[in-house]
Protein backbone atom coordinates (compact mmCIF):
# COMPACT_ATOMS: atom_id res chain seq x y z
CA MET A 1 -56.87 83.06 13.59
CA VAL A 2 -56.47 83.33 9.81
CA ARG A 3 -53.17 81.43 10.00
CA THR A 4 -54.44 78.71 12.31
CA LEU A 5 -58.17 78.16 12.61
CA VAL A 6 -59.34 78.91 9.05
CA PRO A 7 -56.91 76.55 7.25
CA MET A 8 -57.43 73.80 9.81
CA VAL A 9 -61.23 73.97 9.54
CA LEU A 10 -61.00 73.97 5.75
CA ALA A 11 -58.57 71.04 5.70
CA ILE A 12 -60.62 68.98 8.17
CA VAL A 13 -63.89 69.51 6.30
CA LEU A 14 -62.33 68.81 2.89
CA THR A 15 -60.71 65.64 4.24
CA ALA A 16 -63.97 64.44 5.79
CA ILE A 17 -65.90 65.03 2.56
CA GLY A 18 -63.10 63.37 0.59
CA LEU A 19 -63.26 60.30 2.85
CA LEU A 20 -67.02 60.16 2.37
CA HIS A 21 -66.45 60.03 -1.39
CA PHE A 22 -64.07 57.09 -0.90
CA ILE A 23 -66.82 55.29 1.04
CA TRP A 24 -69.44 56.22 -1.57
CA ALA A 25 -67.32 54.75 -4.35
CA PHE A 26 -68.10 51.33 -2.91
CA SER A 27 -71.33 51.68 -0.92
CA HIS A 28 -74.49 53.72 -0.50
CA TRP A 29 -73.84 54.36 3.21
CA PRO A 30 -75.50 56.03 5.13
CA MET A 31 -78.57 55.59 2.96
CA LYS A 32 -80.61 52.38 3.09
CA ASP A 33 -80.31 51.66 -0.63
CA ALA A 34 -78.89 52.94 -3.91
CA ILE A 35 -82.13 54.65 -4.98
CA THR A 36 -82.29 56.71 -1.78
CA PHE A 37 -78.61 57.50 -2.19
CA THR A 38 -78.92 58.75 -5.76
CA LYS A 39 -82.07 60.75 -5.00
CA THR A 40 -80.43 62.46 -2.03
CA LEU A 41 -76.80 62.82 -3.03
CA ALA A 42 -76.67 62.60 -6.82
CA GLY A 43 -79.98 64.17 -7.78
CA THR A 44 -81.20 61.26 -9.88
CA ASP A 45 -83.88 58.71 -9.11
CA ASP A 46 -82.58 55.88 -11.28
CA GLY A 47 -80.61 54.16 -8.52
CA MET A 48 -77.45 54.12 -10.66
CA MET A 49 -74.54 54.88 -8.37
CA PRO A 50 -71.97 57.31 -9.79
CA PRO A 51 -68.99 55.47 -11.33
CA ALA A 52 -66.49 54.43 -8.67
CA PRO A 53 -63.41 55.83 -10.49
CA ILE A 54 -64.98 59.29 -10.77
CA THR A 55 -66.13 59.22 -7.16
CA LEU A 56 -62.61 58.21 -6.07
CA LEU A 57 -61.11 61.04 -8.13
CA VAL A 58 -63.42 63.56 -6.47
CA GLY A 59 -62.41 62.19 -3.05
CA LEU A 60 -58.76 62.38 -3.98
CA ALA A 61 -59.17 65.95 -5.26
CA LEU A 62 -60.85 67.00 -2.01
CA ILE A 63 -58.12 65.45 0.13
CA GLY A 64 -55.54 66.98 -2.20
CA GLY A 65 -57.20 70.35 -1.60
CA ALA A 66 -56.86 69.77 2.15
CA VAL A 67 -53.16 68.95 1.79
CA LEU A 68 -52.65 71.96 -0.47
CA THR A 69 -54.33 74.18 2.11
CA LEU A 70 -51.96 72.96 4.80
CA MET A 71 -48.92 73.41 2.52
CA VAL A 72 -49.96 76.94 1.58
CA ASN A 73 -50.47 77.65 5.28
CA GLU A 74 -47.01 76.19 6.00
CA SER A 75 -48.46 73.58 8.36
CA LEU A 76 -47.06 70.83 6.10
CA PRO A 77 -43.76 70.79 4.22
CA ALA A 78 -44.31 72.40 0.83
CA ILE A 79 -43.87 70.66 -2.50
CA GLY A 80 -43.21 72.67 -5.64
CA PRO A 81 -42.84 76.38 -6.15
CA GLU A 82 -44.77 78.80 -3.99
CA TRP A 83 -46.46 80.47 -6.99
CA LEU A 84 -47.85 77.12 -8.12
CA ARG A 85 -49.26 76.38 -4.67
CA LEU A 86 -50.92 79.81 -4.63
CA VAL A 87 -52.39 79.25 -8.08
CA GLY A 88 -53.70 75.90 -6.84
CA MET A 89 -55.21 77.52 -3.75
CA TYR A 90 -56.94 80.20 -5.80
CA GLY A 91 -58.08 77.46 -8.20
CA LEU A 92 -59.55 75.45 -5.31
CA THR A 93 -61.32 78.59 -4.14
CA VAL A 94 -62.83 79.21 -7.58
CA VAL A 95 -63.96 75.59 -8.00
CA LEU A 96 -65.67 75.58 -4.60
CA LEU A 97 -67.35 78.94 -5.20
CA VAL A 98 -68.51 77.91 -8.68
CA ARG A 99 -69.95 74.67 -7.28
CA GLY A 100 -71.58 76.57 -4.45
CA LEU A 101 -73.08 79.42 -6.45
CA GLY A 102 -73.69 77.40 -9.59
CA GLY A 103 -75.05 74.53 -7.57
CA TYR A 104 -78.44 76.14 -7.43
CA LEU A 105 -78.69 75.61 -11.19
CA MET A 106 -78.27 71.89 -10.52
CA ASN A 107 -81.68 71.86 -8.88
CA SER A 108 -83.42 72.07 -12.24
CA GLY A 109 -84.64 68.58 -13.05
CA ALA A 110 -83.00 67.00 -10.01
CA ALA A 111 -84.77 64.77 -7.52
CA VAL A 112 -86.67 66.70 -4.84
CA GLU A 113 -84.55 65.20 -2.05
CA PHE A 114 -81.39 66.49 -3.71
CA GLN A 115 -82.92 69.90 -4.40
CA GLN A 116 -83.75 70.36 -0.73
CA LEU A 117 -80.32 69.32 0.57
CA ASN A 118 -78.50 71.16 -2.22
CA THR A 119 -80.33 74.36 -1.34
CA VAL A 120 -79.78 74.22 2.41
CA LEU A 121 -76.52 72.24 2.74
CA TYR A 122 -74.43 71.34 -0.32
CA SER A 123 -74.30 74.69 -2.12
CA PRO A 124 -74.01 76.87 1.02
CA LEU A 125 -71.26 74.56 2.34
CA CYS A 126 -69.33 74.95 -0.91
CA VAL A 127 -69.66 78.74 -0.73
CA VAL A 128 -68.38 78.73 2.86
CA LEU A 129 -65.50 76.40 1.97
CA GLY A 130 -64.66 78.52 -1.07
CA SER A 131 -64.67 81.63 1.11
CA LEU A 132 -62.34 79.95 3.60
CA GLY A 133 -60.09 78.93 0.72
CA GLY A 134 -60.02 82.52 -0.47
CA ILE A 135 -59.06 83.70 2.99
CA VAL A 136 -56.17 81.21 3.09
CA ALA A 137 -55.03 82.17 -0.43
CA VAL A 138 -55.12 85.91 0.24
CA ALA A 139 -53.35 85.51 3.59
CA ALA A 140 -50.61 83.45 1.92
CA SER A 141 -50.29 86.00 -0.89
CA ARG A 142 -49.62 88.75 1.63
CA ARG A 143 -46.72 86.98 3.32
């Protein structure tokens, strides 16, 4: 299960969230307008969408994390040295856990809509994804 299900779930979820970021770089879908979008997803109520280049970079990083997960799991052909892939996998794990656990600090001063979703969805999801990443990294380290 650790060698099949965990990396696949992590890669699928990271890819889906990455694709959402690509969409969000150019639209406020699925929200009705930019103000609702920023209140719910960005934590601000000014209606200023996050800059497209940054949003695209986040999407690319998430999809890169999915590809890295599959390379570390040996589901995709590997690029680069094994040690570097492992460092990247542990790095992905740390970033997701920091966003998940530190995400609760983001609630201070954020829009109420964001606070609610961050508390029940965004931060817990990052903690779960970080935990899955840790499982993949540790399993790969033991091979």
